[in-house]
Structures are given as C-alpha cells and as structure tokens.
C-alpha cells in the first residue's frame, strides 16, 4: 500500500481520551516513515472549527468528502500502515499549505519548534 503526504484516507484513528479505542475516520497524511511503517496523520471531523488550531478544509468537496470538514492540529497521531483502509483523495495545494501552517503554529505553541 502506497500512502503519501497530502492524501486523505479512511483509517482507524485513536480516541484522544482512550488511545486503546479507535474510530474509522478520514485523516490527512502529514508524513510517512517507511522504516517503521508509520504514518503521521491529522484528524478530520465534521464539526465546525472551535479554536485557533482547527481549520475548515475549503476544498473538501474536491477530495471528495461528503460534507464540510475541519482539520484538527491538536489531534495528530502516529498510525501504523495496517490501520489504513482506503484512500479517499488528495488535499488541494491551498488546503495543504493551510494545514502545514496550522500544524507548525500548533507545534510552536506547545514548544516543539522544527
């Protein structure tokens, strides 16, 4: 299975409060580590953004997703490739830039400057 950054996939994503439980949901692929078969993925949710570290995907219909969707920078997890189910599509270049900017701002806010 070939998984690339900027793609959107259905994957088993861990719950924030109990990382032993999962929900199959769309995720944005941020980075792939082929050595460990791990994929750093950002959660996508159907609710509206409610803080500065969430952003609406403007080109959600082009991916295609079923409805307006929000990327959540505070919800990024390392997910094993075997937990990826199927590719949905790819983020537009504009959304990809917005996601990367948001993720970098979040990392800086929590003290992880790269």
PDB file of N, CA and C in Angstrom:
ATOM      1  N   UNK A   1       0.853  -1.175   0.000  1.00  0.00           N
ATOM      2  CA  UNK A   1       0.000   0.000   0.000  1.00  0.00           C
ATOM      3  C   UNK A   1       0.897   1.236   0.000  1.00  0.00           C
ATOM      4  N   UNK A   2       0.668   2.123  -0.956  1.00  0.00           N
ATOM      5  CA  UNK A   2       1.457   3.340  -1.077  1.00  0.00           C
ATOM      6  C   UNK A   2       0.662   4.515  -0.497  1.00  0.00           C
ATOM      7  N   UNK A   3       1.146   5.079   0.589  1.00  0.00           N
ATOM      8  CA  UNK A   3       0.491   6.198   1.272  1.00  0.00           C
ATOM      9  C   UNK A   3       1.437   7.393   1.198  1.00  0.00           C
ATOM     10  N   UNK A   4       0.916   8.540   0.765  1.00  0.00           N
ATOM     11  CA  UNK A   4       1.760   9.715   0.558  1.00  0.00           C
ATOM     12  C   UNK A   4       1.232  10.928   1.314  1.00  0.00           C
ATOM     13  N   UNK A   5       2.139  11.830   1.721  1.00  0.00           N
ATOM     14  CA  UNK A   5       1.694  13.084   2.326  1.00  0.00           C
ATOM     15  C   UNK A   5       0.742  13.832   1.399  1.00  0.00           C
ATOM     16  N   UNK A   6      -0.175  14.540   1.997  1.00  0.00           N
ATOM     17  CA  UNK A   6      -1.200  15.359   1.335  1.00  0.00           C
ATOM     18  C   UNK A   6      -2.424  14.534   0.949  1.00  0.00           C
ATOM     19  N   UNK A   7      -2.362  13.218   1.128  1.00  0.00           N
ATOM     20  CA  UNK A   7      -3.517  12.383   0.813  1.00  0.00           C
ATOM     21  C   UNK A   7      -4.480  12.338   1.996  1.00  0.00           C
ATOM     22  N   UNK A   8      -5.725  12.002   1.695  1.00  0.00           N
ATOM     23  CA  UNK A   8      -6.760  11.816   2.707  1.00  0.00           C
ATOM     24  C   UNK A   8      -7.212  10.361   2.614  1.00  0.00           C
ATOM     25  N   UNK A   9      -7.199   9.679   3.761  1.00  0.00           N
ATOM     26  CA  UNK A   9      -7.533   8.256   3.832  1.00  0.00           C
ATOM     27  C   UNK A   9      -8.555   8.020   4.936  1.00  0.00           C
ATOM     28  N   UNK A  10      -9.289   6.906   4.817  1.00  0.00           N
ATOM     29  CA  UNK A  10     -10.024   6.372   5.953  1.00  0.00           C
ATOM     30  C   UNK A  10      -9.038   5.495   6.717  1.00  0.00           C
ATOM     31  N   UNK A  11      -8.930   5.746   8.021  1.00  0.00           N
ATOM     32  CA  UNK A  11      -8.018   4.967   8.858  1.00  0.00           C
ATOM     33  C   UNK A  11      -8.623   4.827  10.246  1.00  0.00           C
ATOM     34  N   UNK A  12      -8.166   3.828  10.980  1.00  0.00           N
ATOM     35  CA  UNK A  12      -8.580   3.680  12.373  1.00  0.00           C
ATOM     36  C   UNK A  12      -7.770   4.671  13.193  1.00  0.00           C
ATOM     37  N   UNK A  13      -8.461   5.672  13.714  1.00  0.00           N
ATOM     38  CA  UNK A  13      -7.828   6.785  14.432  1.00  0.00           C
ATOM     39  C   UNK A  13      -8.140   6.635  15.916  1.00  0.00           C
ATOM     40  N   UNK A  14      -7.118   6.756  16.796  1.00  0.00           N
ATOM     41  CA  UNK A  14      -7.362   6.569  18.233  1.00  0.00           C
ATOM     42  C   UNK A  14      -8.170   7.719  18.838  1.00  0.00           C
ATOM     43  N   UNK A  15      -8.995   7.367  19.822  1.00  0.00           N
ATOM     44  CA  UNK A  15      -9.707   8.392  20.582  1.00  0.00           C
ATOM     45  C   UNK A  15      -8.700   9.150  21.440  1.00  0.00           C
ATOM     46  N   UNK A  16      -8.910  10.444  21.603  1.00  0.00           N
ATOM     47  CA  UNK A  16      -7.976  11.280  22.370  1.00  0.00           C
ATOM     48  C   UNK A  16      -7.913  10.855  23.830  1.00  0.00           C
ATOM     49  N   UNK A  17      -9.057  10.482  24.415  1.00  0.00           N
ATOM     50  CA  UNK A  17      -9.099  10.150  25.841  1.00  0.00           C
ATOM     51  C   UNK A  17      -8.751   8.700  26.139  1.00  0.00           C
ATOM     52  N   UNK A  18      -8.827   7.826  25.143  1.00  0.00           N
ATOM     53  CA  UNK A  18      -8.507   6.410  25.339  1.00  0.00           C
ATOM     54  C   UNK A  18      -7.882   5.883  24.059  1.00  0.00           C
ATOM     55  N   UNK A  19      -6.556   5.931  24.000  1.00  0.00           N
ATOM     56  CA  UNK A  19      -5.840   5.574  22.780  1.00  0.00           C
ATOM     57  C   UNK A  19      -5.853   4.083  22.473  1.00  0.00           C
ATOM     58  N   UNK A  20      -6.528   3.281  23.316  1.00  0.00           N
ATOM     59  CA  UNK A  20      -6.685   1.860  23.021  1.00  0.00           C
ATOM     60  C   UNK A  20      -7.943   1.607  22.194  1.00  0.00           C
ATOM     61  N   UNK A  21      -8.776   2.648  22.037  1.00  0.00           N
ATOM     62  CA  UNK A  21     -10.005   2.544  21.246  1.00  0.00           C
ATOM     63  C   UNK A  21      -9.872   3.393  19.992  1.00  0.00           C
ATOM     64  N   UNK A  22     -10.512   2.911  18.921  1.00  0.00           N
ATOM     65  CA  UNK A  22     -10.350   3.554  17.620  1.00  0.00           C
ATOM     66  C   UNK A  22     -11.694   3.797  16.961  1.00  0.00           C
ATOM     67  N   UNK A  23     -11.678   4.767  16.043  1.00  0.00           N
ATOM     68  CA  UNK A  23     -12.834   5.026  15.198  1.00  0.00           C
ATOM     69  C   UNK A  23     -12.322   5.181  13.770  1.00  0.00           C
ATOM     70  N   UNK A  24     -12.984   4.530  12.824  1.00  0.00           N
ATOM     71  CA  UNK A  24     -12.593   4.720  11.444  1.00  0.00           C
ATOM     72  C   UNK A  24     -13.095   6.079  10.978  1.00  0.00           C
ATOM     73  N   UNK A  25     -12.149   6.908  10.510  1.00  0.00           N
ATOM     74  CA  UNK A  25     -12.491   8.282  10.127  1.00  0.00           C
ATOM     75  C   UNK A  25     -11.503   8.770   9.072  1.00  0.00           C
ATOM     76  N   UNK A  26     -11.842   9.847   8.383  1.00  0.00           N
ATOM     77  CA  UNK A  26     -10.885  10.410   7.434  1.00  0.00           C
ATOM     78  C   UNK A  26      -9.730  11.099   8.175  1.00  0.00           C
ATOM     79  N   UNK A  27      -8.535  10.933   7.629  1.00  0.00           N
ATOM     80  CA  UNK A  27      -7.337  11.563   8.192  1.00  0.00           C
ATOM     81  C   UNK A  27      -6.505  12.152   7.067  1.00  0.00           C
ATOM     82  N   UNK A  28      -5.729  13.174   7.418  1.00  0.00           N
ATOM     83  CA  UNK A  28      -4.792  13.786   6.480  1.00  0.00           C
ATOM     84  C   UNK A  28      -3.418  13.198   6.757  1.00  0.00           C
ATOM     85  N   UNK A  29      -2.760  12.703   5.724  1.00  0.00           N
ATOM     86  CA  UNK A  29      -1.411  12.156   5.865  1.00  0.00           C
ATOM     87  C   UNK A  29      -0.428  13.323   5.860  1.00  0.00           C
ATOM     88  N   UNK A  30       0.287  13.487   6.985  1.00  0.00           N
ATOM     89  CA  UNK A  30       1.286  14.550   7.099  1.00  0.00           C
ATOM     90  C   UNK A  30       2.671  14.073   6.684  1.00  0.00           C
ATOM     91  N   UNK A  31       3.014  12.847   7.089  1.00  0.00           N
ATOM     92  CA  UNK A  31       4.338  12.301   6.820  1.00  0.00           C
ATOM     93  C   UNK A  31       4.271  10.789   6.920  1.00  0.00           C
ATOM     94  N   UNK A  32       5.186  10.119   6.224  1.00  0.00           N
ATOM     95  CA  UNK A  32       5.227   8.660   6.228  1.00  0.00           C
ATOM     96  C   UNK A  32       6.648   8.227   6.557  1.00  0.00           C
ATOM     97  N   UNK A  33       6.778   7.311   7.508  1.00  0.00           N
ATOM     98  CA  UNK A  33       8.073   6.726   7.863  1.00  0.00           C
ATOM     99  C   UNK A  33       8.053   5.285   7.372  1.00  0.00           C
ATOM    100  N   UNK A  34       8.657   5.055   6.216  1.00  0.00           N
ATOM    101  CA  UNK A  34       8.630   3.719   5.623  1.00  0.00           C
ATOM    102  C   UNK A  34       9.395   2.698   6.457  1.00  0.00           C
ATOM    103  N   UNK A  35      10.376   3.145   7.212  1.00  0.00           N
ATOM    104  CA  UNK A  35      11.174   2.233   8.029  1.00  0.00           C
ATOM    105  C   UNK A  35      10.330   1.585   9.127  1.00  0.00           C
ATOM    106  N   UNK A  36       9.445   2.384   9.748  1.00  0.00           N
ATOM    107  CA  UNK A  36       8.606   1.854  10.834  1.00  0.00           C
ATOM    108  C   UNK A  36       7.176   1.569  10.375  1.00  0.00           C
ATOM    109  N   UNK A  37       6.901   1.815   9.093  1.00  0.00           N
ATOM    110  CA  UNK A  37       5.542   1.656   8.531  1.00  0.00           C
ATOM    111  C   UNK A  37       4.535   2.533   9.261  1.00  0.00           C
ATOM    112  N   UNK A  38       4.982   3.688   9.759  1.00  0.00           N
ATOM    113  CA  UNK A  38       4.120   4.597  10.496  1.00  0.00           C
ATOM    114  C   UNK A  38       3.737   5.789   9.633  1.00  0.00           C
ATOM    115  N   UNK A  39       2.529   6.276   9.874  1.00  0.00           N
ATOM    116  CA  UNK A  39       2.016   7.419   9.131  1.00  0.00           C
ATOM    117  C   UNK A  39       1.539   8.453  10.145  1.00  0.00           C
ATOM    118  N   UNK A  40       2.104   9.658  10.093  1.00  0.00           N
ATOM    119  CA  UNK A  40       1.669  10.735  10.968  1.00  0.00           C
ATOM    120  C   UNK A  40       0.445  11.376  10.327  1.00  0.00           C
ATOM    121  N   UNK A  41      -0.674  11.312  11.052  1.00  0.00           N
ATOM    122  CA  UNK A  41      -1.966  11.657  10.483  1.00  0.00           C
ATOM    123  C   UNK A  41      -2.715  12.637  11.357  1.00  0.00           C
ATOM    124  N   UNK A  42      -3.426  13.578  10.708  1.00  0.00           N
ATOM    125  CA  UNK A  42      -4.227  14.585  11.404  1.00  0.00           C
ATOM    126  C   UNK A  42      -5.701  14.237  11.260  1.00  0.00           C
ATOM    127  N   UNK A  43      -6.402  14.341  12.364  1.00  0.00           N
ATOM    128  CA  UNK A  43      -7.833  14.043  12.408  1.00  0.00           C
ATOM    129  C   UNK A  43      -8.638  15.043  11.581  1.00  0.00           C
ATOM    130  N   UNK A  44      -9.675  14.514  10.907  1.00  0.00           N
ATOM    131  CA  UNK A  44     -10.676  15.338  10.240  1.00  0.00           C
ATOM    132  C   UNK A  44     -12.002  15.058  10.926  1.00  0.00           C
ATOM    133  N   UNK A  45     -12.749  16.114  11.221  1.00  0.00           N
ATOM    134  CA  UNK A  45     -14.044  15.973  11.872  1.00  0.00           C
ATOM    135  C   UNK A  45     -15.103  16.751  11.096  1.00  0.00           C
ATOM    136  N   UNK A  46     -16.368  16.423  11.358  1.00  0.00           N
ATOM    137  CA  UNK A  46     -17.444  17.094  10.638  1.00  0.00           C
ATOM    138  C   UNK A  46     -17.945  18.353  11.339  1.00  0.00           C
ATOM    139  N   UNK A  47     -17.461  18.602  12.543  1.00  0.00           N
ATOM    140  CA  UNK A  47     -17.935  19.800  13.253  1.00  0.00           C
ATOM    141  C   UNK A  47     -17.165  21.036  12.786  1.00  0.00           C
ATOM    142  N   UNK A  48     -17.718  22.195  13.093  1.00  0.00           N
ATOM    143  CA  UNK A  48     -17.074  23.469  12.748  1.00  0.00           C
ATOM    144  C   UNK A  48     -15.831  23.681  13.627  1.00  0.00           C
ATOM    145  N   UNK A  49     -14.844  24.435  13.145  1.00  0.00           N
ATOM    146  CA  UNK A  49     -13.682  24.769  13.975  1.00  0.00           C
ATOM    147  C   UNK A  49     -14.116  25.516  15.239  1.00  0.00           C
ATOM    148  N   UNK A  50     -13.489  25.183  16.386  1.00  0.00           N
ATOM    149  CA  UNK A  50     -13.848  25.910  17.604  1.00  0.00           C
ATOM    150  C   UNK A  50     -12.662  26.492  18.339  1.00  0.00           C
ATOM    151  N   UNK A  51     -11.459  26.341  17.804  1.00  0.00           N
ATOM    152  CA  UNK A  51     -10.325  27.055  18.394  1.00  0.00           C
ATOM    153  C   UNK A  51      -9.319  27.389  17.291  1.00  0.00           C
ATOM    154  N   UNK A  52      -8.253  28.061  17.674  1.00  0.00           N
ATOM    155  CA  UNK A  52      -7.286  28.556  16.695  1.00  0.00           C
ATOM    156  C   UNK A  52      -6.462  27.460  16.038  1.00  0.00           C
ATOM    157  N   UNK A  53      -6.543  26.228  16.542  1.00  0.00           N
ATOM    158  CA  UNK A  53      -5.773  25.119  15.981  1.00  0.00           C
ATOM    159  C   UNK A  53      -6.638  24.148  15.196  1.00  0.00           C
ATOM    160  N   UNK A  54      -7.750  24.656  14.716  1.00  0.00           N
ATOM    161  CA  UNK A  54      -8.630  23.898  13.833  1.00  0.00           C
ATOM    162  C   UNK A  54      -8.948  24.772  12.631  1.00  0.00           C
ATOM    163  N   UNK A  55      -9.060  24.132  11.473  1.00  0.00           N
ATOM    164  CA  UNK A  55      -9.319  24.889  10.252  1.00  0.00           C
ATOM    165  C   UNK A  55     -10.240  24.092   9.338  1.00  0.00           C
ATOM    166  N   UNK A  56     -11.154  24.816   8.720  1.00  0.00           N
ATOM    167  CA  UNK A  56     -12.059  24.192   7.762  1.00  0.00           C
ATOM    168  C   UNK A  56     -11.300  23.898   6.470  1.00  0.00           C
ATOM    169  N   UNK A  57     -11.552  22.731   5.911  1.00  0.00           N
ATOM    170  CA  UNK A  57     -10.996  22.400   4.600  1.00  0.00           C
ATOM    171  C   UNK A  57     -11.867  23.083   3.552  1.00  0.00           C
ATOM    172  N   UNK A  58     -11.286  24.017   2.828  1.00  0.00           N
ATOM    173  CA  UNK A  58     -12.063  24.804   1.872  1.00  0.00           C
ATOM    174  C   UNK A  58     -12.436  24.001   0.633  1.00  0.00           C
ATOM    175  N   UNK A  59     -11.582  23.088   0.236  1.00  0.00           N
ATOM    176  CA  UNK A  59     -11.827  22.302  -0.977  1.00  0.00           C
ATOM    177  C   UNK A  59     -12.264  20.876  -0.632  1.00  0.00           C
ATOM    178  N   UNK A  60     -13.057  20.734   0.424  1.00  0.00           N
ATOM    179  CA  UNK A  60     -13.474  19.410   0.915  1.00  0.00           C
ATOM    180  C   UNK A  60     -14.219  18.605  -0.142  1.00  0.00           C
ATOM    181  N   UNK A  61     -15.001  19.243  -0.988  1.00  0.00           N
ATOM    182  CA  UNK A  61     -15.783  18.513  -1.994  1.00  0.00           C
ATOM    183  C   UNK A  61     -14.893  17.944  -3.095  1.00  0.00           C
ATOM    184  N   UNK A  62     -13.724  18.545  -3.309  1.00  0.00           N
ATOM    185  CA  UNK A  62     -12.813  18.070  -4.353  1.00  0.00           C
ATOM    186  C   UNK A  62     -12.013  16.845  -3.920  1.00  0.00           C
ATOM    187  N   UNK A  63     -12.004  16.526  -2.624  1.00  0.00           N
ATOM    188  CA  UNK A  63     -11.180  15.411  -2.121  1.00  0.00           C
ATOM    189  C   UNK A  63     -11.666  14.060  -2.649  1.00  0.00           C
ATOM    190  N   UNK A  64     -12.871  13.625  -2.617  1.00  0.00           N
ATOM    191  CA  UNK A  64     -14.106  14.233  -2.139  1.00  0.00           C
ATOM    192  C   UNK A  64     -14.515  13.710  -0.761  1.00  0.00           C
ATOM    193  N   UNK A  65     -14.956  14.645   0.097  1.00  0.00           N
ATOM    194  CA  UNK A  65     -15.597  14.300   1.364  1.00  0.00           C
ATOM    195  C   UNK A  65     -17.083  14.605   1.237  1.00  0.00           C
ATOM    196  N   UNK A  66     -17.886  13.988   2.092  1.00  0.00           N
ATOM    197  CA  UNK A  66     -19.349  14.114   1.992  1.00  0.00           C
ATOM    198  C   UNK A  66     -19.893  15.446   2.492  1.00  0.00           C
ATOM    199  N   UNK A  67     -19.119  16.156   3.321  1.00  0.00           N
ATOM    200  CA  UNK A  67     -19.633  17.378   3.935  1.00  0.00           C
ATOM    201  C   UNK A  67     -18.483  18.278   4.344  1.00  0.00           C
ATOM    202  N   UNK A  68     -18.812  19.503   4.712  1.00  0.00           N
ATOM    203  CA  UNK A  68     -17.805  20.439   5.208  1.00  0.00           C
ATOM    204  C   UNK A  68     -17.053  19.768   6.349  1.00  0.00           C
ATOM    205  N   UNK A  69     -15.720  19.894   6.322  1.00  0.00           N
ATOM    206  CA  UNK A  69     -14.894  19.180   7.293  1.00  0.00           C
ATOM    207  C   UNK A  69     -13.837  20.095   7.878  1.00  0.00           C
ATOM    208  N   UNK A  70     -13.405  19.733   9.087  1.00  0.00           N
ATOM    209  CA  UNK A  70     -12.433  20.506   9.851  1.00  0.00           C
ATOM    210  C   UNK A  70     -11.221  19.651  10.178  1.00  0.00           C
ATOM    211  N   UNK A  71     -10.020  20.187   9.957  1.00  0.00           N
ATOM    212  CA  UNK A  71      -8.777  19.527  10.358  1.00  0.00           C
ATOM    213  C   UNK A  71      -8.408  20.005  11.757  1.00  0.00           C
ATOM    214  N   UNK A  72      -7.937  19.075  12.595  1.00  0.00           N
ATOM    215  CA  UNK A  72      -7.664  19.356  13.999  1.00  0.00           C
ATOM    216  C   UNK A  72      -6.167  19.148  14.274  1.00  0.00           C
ATOM    217  N   UNK A  73      -5.423  20.260  14.374  1.00  0.00           N
ATOM    218  CA  UNK A  73      -3.970  20.181  14.534  1.00  0.00           C
ATOM    219  C   UNK A  73      -3.546  19.575  15.864  1.00  0.00           C
ATOM    220  N   UNK A  74      -4.405  19.663  16.876  1.00  0.00           N
ATOM    221  CA  UNK A  74      -4.053  19.082  18.181  1.00  0.00           C
ATOM    222  C   UNK A  74      -4.288  17.579  18.216  1.00  0.00           C
ATOM    223  N   UNK A  75      -4.810  17.022  17.141  1.00  0.00           N
ATOM    224  CA  UNK A  75      -5.085  15.586  17.059  1.00  0.00           C
ATOM    225  C   UNK A  75      -4.271  14.965  15.919  1.00  0.00           C
ATOM    226  N   UNK A  76      -2.975  14.817  16.164  1.00  0.00           N
ATOM    227  CA  UNK A  76      -2.067  14.180  15.217  1.00  0.00           C
ATOM    228  C   UNK A  76      -1.477  12.959  15.906  1.00  0.00           C
ATOM    229  N   UNK A  77      -1.609  11.817  15.257  1.00  0.00           N
ATOM    230  CA  UNK A  77      -1.107  10.576  15.831  1.00  0.00           C
ATOM    231  C   UNK A  77      -0.310   9.802  14.799  1.00  0.00           C
ATOM    232  N   UNK A  78       0.594   8.975  15.326  1.00  0.00           N
ATOM    233  CA  UNK A  78       1.333   8.033  14.501  1.00  0.00           C
ATOM    234  C   UNK A  78       0.480   6.776  14.387  1.00  0.00           C
ATOM    235  N   UNK A  79       0.116   6.431  13.163  1.00  0.00           N
ATOM    236  CA  UNK A  79      -0.766   5.298  12.910  1.00  0.00           C
ATOM    237  C   UNK A  79      -0.030   4.307  12.009  1.00  0.00           C
ATOM    238  N   UNK A  80      -0.081   3.031  12.370  1.00  0.00           N
ATOM    239  CA  UNK A  80       0.572   2.008  11.557  1.00  0.00           C
ATOM    240  C   UNK A  80      -0.166   1.858  10.227  1.00  0.00           C
ATOM    241  N   UNK A  81       0.593   1.595   9.172  1.00  0.00           N
ATOM    242  CA  UNK A  81       0.008   1.477   7.834  1.00  0.00           C
ATOM    243  C   UNK A  81      -1.111   0.441   7.762  1.00  0.00           C
ATOM    244  N   UNK A  82      -1.052  -0.581   8.592  1.00  0.00           N
ATOM    245  CA  UNK A  82      -2.088  -1.619   8.545  1.00  0.00           C
ATOM    246  C   UNK A  82      -3.446  -1.104   9.003  1.00  0.00           C
ATOM    247  N   UNK A  83      -3.482   0.072   9.653  1.00  0.00           N
ATOM    248  CA  UNK A  83      -4.747   0.662  10.107  1.00  0.00           C
ATOM    249  C   UNK A  83      -5.380   1.581   9.061  1.00  0.00           C
ATOM    250  N   UNK A  84      -4.763   1.683   7.900  1.00  0.00           N
ATOM    251  CA  UNK A  84      -5.320   2.471   6.813  1.00  0.00           C
ATOM    252  C   UNK A  84      -6.204   1.579   5.955  1.00  0.00           C
ATOM    253  N   UNK A  85      -7.416   2.053   5.688  1.00  0.00           N
ATOM    254  CA  UNK A  85      -8.416   1.233   4.991  1.00  0.00           C
ATOM    255  C   UNK A  85      -8.490   1.524   3.497  1.00  0.00           C
ATOM    256  N   UNK A  86      -8.732   2.794   3.146  1.00  0.00           N
ATOM    257  CA  UNK A  86      -8.810   3.128   1.724  1.00  0.00           C
ATOM    258  C   UNK A  86      -8.545   4.614   1.530  1.00  0.00           C
ATOM    259  N   UNK A  87      -7.972   4.911   0.387  1.00  0.00           N
ATOM    260  CA  UNK A  87      -7.687   6.299   0.034  1.00  0.00           C
ATOM    261  C   UNK A  87      -8.977   6.973  -0.416  1.00  0.00           C
ATOM    262  N   UNK A  88      -9.207   8.179   0.098  1.00  0.00           N
ATOM    263  CA  UNK A  88     -10.361   8.975  -0.310  1.00  0.00           C
ATOM    264  C   UNK A  88      -9.966   9.906  -1.453  1.00  0.00           C
ATOM    265  N   UNK A  89      -8.832  10.578  -1.293  1.00  0.00           N
ATOM    266  CA  UNK A  89      -8.393  11.532  -2.302  1.00  0.00           C
ATOM    267  C   UNK A  89      -7.167  12.288  -1.839  1.00  0.00           C
ATOM    268  N   UNK A  90      -7.077  13.531  -2.276  1.00  0.00           N
ATOM    269  CA  UNK A  90      -5.892  14.353  -2.002  1.00  0.00           C
ATOM    270  C   UNK A  90      -6.341  15.781  -1.709  1.00  0.00           C
ATOM    271  N   UNK A  91      -5.659  16.424  -0.741  1.00  0.00           N
ATOM    272  CA  UNK A  91      -5.926  17.831  -0.438  1.00  0.00           C
ATOM    273  C   UNK A  91      -5.489  18.720  -1.594  1.00  0.00           C
ATOM    274  N   UNK A  92      -6.198  19.806  -1.783  1.00  0.00           N
ATOM    275  CA  UNK A  92      -5.738  20.818  -2.749  1.00  0.00           C
ATOM    276  C   UNK A  92      -4.435  21.412  -2.219  1.00  0.00           C
ATOM    277  N   UNK A  93      -3.662  22.023  -3.089  1.00  0.00           N
ATOM    278  CA  UNK A  93      -2.413  22.654  -2.657  1.00  0.00           C
ATOM    279  C   UNK A  93      -2.674  23.766  -1.644  1.00  0.00           C
ATOM    280  N   UNK A  94      -3.772  24.516  -1.817  1.00  0.00           N
ATOM    281  CA  UNK A  94      -4.108  25.581  -0.863  1.00  0.00           C
ATOM    282  C   UNK A  94      -4.429  25.012   0.512  1.00  0.00           C
ATOM    283  N   UNK A  95      -5.254  23.964   0.563  1.00  0.00           N
ATOM    284  CA  UNK A  95      -5.559  23.339   1.851  1.00  0.00           C
ATOM    285  C   UNK A  95      -4.300  22.737   2.473  1.00  0.00           C
ATOM    286  N   UNK A  96      -3.445  22.125   1.659  1.00  0.00           N
ATOM    287  CA  UNK A  96      -2.208  21.524   2.168  1.00  0.00           C
ATOM    288  C   UNK A  96      -1.325  22.594   2.815  1.00  0.00           C
ATOM    289  N   UNK A  97      -1.194  23.751   2.174  1.00  0.00           N
ATOM    290  CA  UNK A  97      -0.403  24.845   2.756  1.00  0.00           C
ATOM    291  C   UNK A  97      -1.030  25.298   4.070  1.00  0.00           C
ATOM    292  N   UNK A  98      -2.355  25.465   4.096  1.00  0.00           N
ATOM    293  CA  UNK A  98      -3.043  25.879   5.329  1.00  0.00           C
ATOM    294  C   UNK A  98      -2.833  24.868   6.454  1.00  0.00           C
ATOM    295  N   UNK A  99      -2.908  23.582   6.137  1.00  0.00           N
ATOM    296  CA  UNK A  99      -2.726  22.518   7.136  1.00  0.00           C
ATOM    297  C   UNK A  99      -1.305  22.554   7.691  1.00  0.00           C
ATOM    298  N   UNK A 100      -0.324  22.683   6.825  1.00  0.00           N
ATOM    299  CA  UNK A 100       1.070  22.733   7.286  1.00  0.00           C
ATOM    300  C   UNK A 100       1.337  23.964   8.138  1.00  0.00           C
ATOM    301  N   UNK A 101       0.808  25.112   7.728  1.00  0.00           N
ATOM    302  CA  UNK A 101       0.966  26.329   8.525  1.00  0.00           C
ATOM    303  C   UNK A 101       0.317  26.163   9.902  1.00  0.00           C
ATOM    304  N   UNK A 102      -0.890  25.610   9.921  1.00  0.00           N
ATOM    305  CA  UNK A 102      -1.600  25.381  11.175  1.00  0.00           C
ATOM    306  C   UNK A 102      -0.834  24.414  12.072  1.00  0.00           C
ATOM    307  N   UNK A 103      -0.361  23.321  11.510  1.00  0.00           N
ATOM    308  CA  UNK A 103       0.378  22.324  12.283  1.00  0.00           C
ATOM    309  C   UNK A 103       1.660  22.928  12.864  1.00  0.00           C
ATOM    310  N   UNK A 104       2.376  23.704  12.061  1.00  0.00           N
ATOM    311  CA  UNK A 104       3.603  24.352  12.556  1.00  0.00           C
ATOM    312  C   UNK A 104       3.306  25.352  13.669  1.00  0.00           C
ATOM    313  N   UNK A 105       2.203  26.123  13.545  1.00  0.00           N
ATOM    314  CA  UNK A 105       1.815  27.050  14.622  1.00  0.00           C
ATOM    315  C   UNK A 105       1.486  26.290  15.898  1.00  0.00           C
ATOM    316  N   UNK A 106       0.793  25.165  15.762  1.00  0.00           N
ATOM    317  CA  UNK A 106       0.440  24.356  16.929  1.00  0.00           C
ATOM    318  C   UNK A 106       1.704  23.809  17.592  1.00  0.00           C
ATOM    319  N   UNK A 107       2.619  23.270  16.807  1.00  0.00           N
ATOM    320  CA  UNK A 107       3.858  22.728  17.375  1.00  0.00           C
ATOM    321  C   UNK A 107       4.653  23.812  18.091  1.00  0.00           C
ATOM    322  N   UNK A 108       4.702  25.007  17.506  1.00  0.00           N
ATOM    323  CA  UNK A 108       5.405  26.122  18.138  1.00  0.00           C
ATOM    324  C   UNK A 108       4.727  26.498  19.456  1.00  0.00           C
ATOM    325  N   UNK A 109       3.403  26.508  19.473  1.00  0.00           N
ATOM    326  CA  UNK A 109       2.647  26.865  20.676  1.00  0.00           C
ATOM    327  C   UNK A 109       2.918  25.899  21.835  1.00  0.00           C
ATOM    328  N   UNK A 110       3.082  24.614  21.509  1.00  0.00           N
ATOM    329  CA  UNK A 110       3.335  23.623  22.581  1.00  0.00           C
ATOM    330  C   UNK A 110       4.826  23.414  22.828  1.00  0.00           C
ATOM    331  N   UNK A 111       5.668  24.238  22.172  1.00  0.00           N
ATOM    332  CA  UNK A 111       7.115  24.224  22.454  1.00  0.00           C
ATOM    333  C   UNK A 111       7.916  23.253  21.630  1.00  0.00           C
ATOM    334  N   UNK A 112       7.371  22.795  20.516  1.00  0.00           N
ATOM    335  CA  UNK A 112       8.115  21.891  19.633  1.00  0.00           C
ATOM    336  C   UNK A 112       8.411  22.611  18.330  1.00  0.00           C
ATOM    337  N   UNK A 113       9.499  23.377  18.316  1.00  0.00           N
ATOM    338  CA  UNK A 113       9.872  24.121  17.106  1.00  0.00           C
ATOM    339  C   UNK A 113      10.713  23.242  16.199  1.00  0.00           C
ATOM    340  N   UNK A 114      10.299  23.145  14.936  1.00  0.00           N
ATOM    341  CA  UNK A 114      11.073  22.365  13.961  1.00  0.00           C
ATOM    342  C   UNK A 114      11.560  23.254  12.856  1.00  0.00           C
TER     343      UNK A 114
END
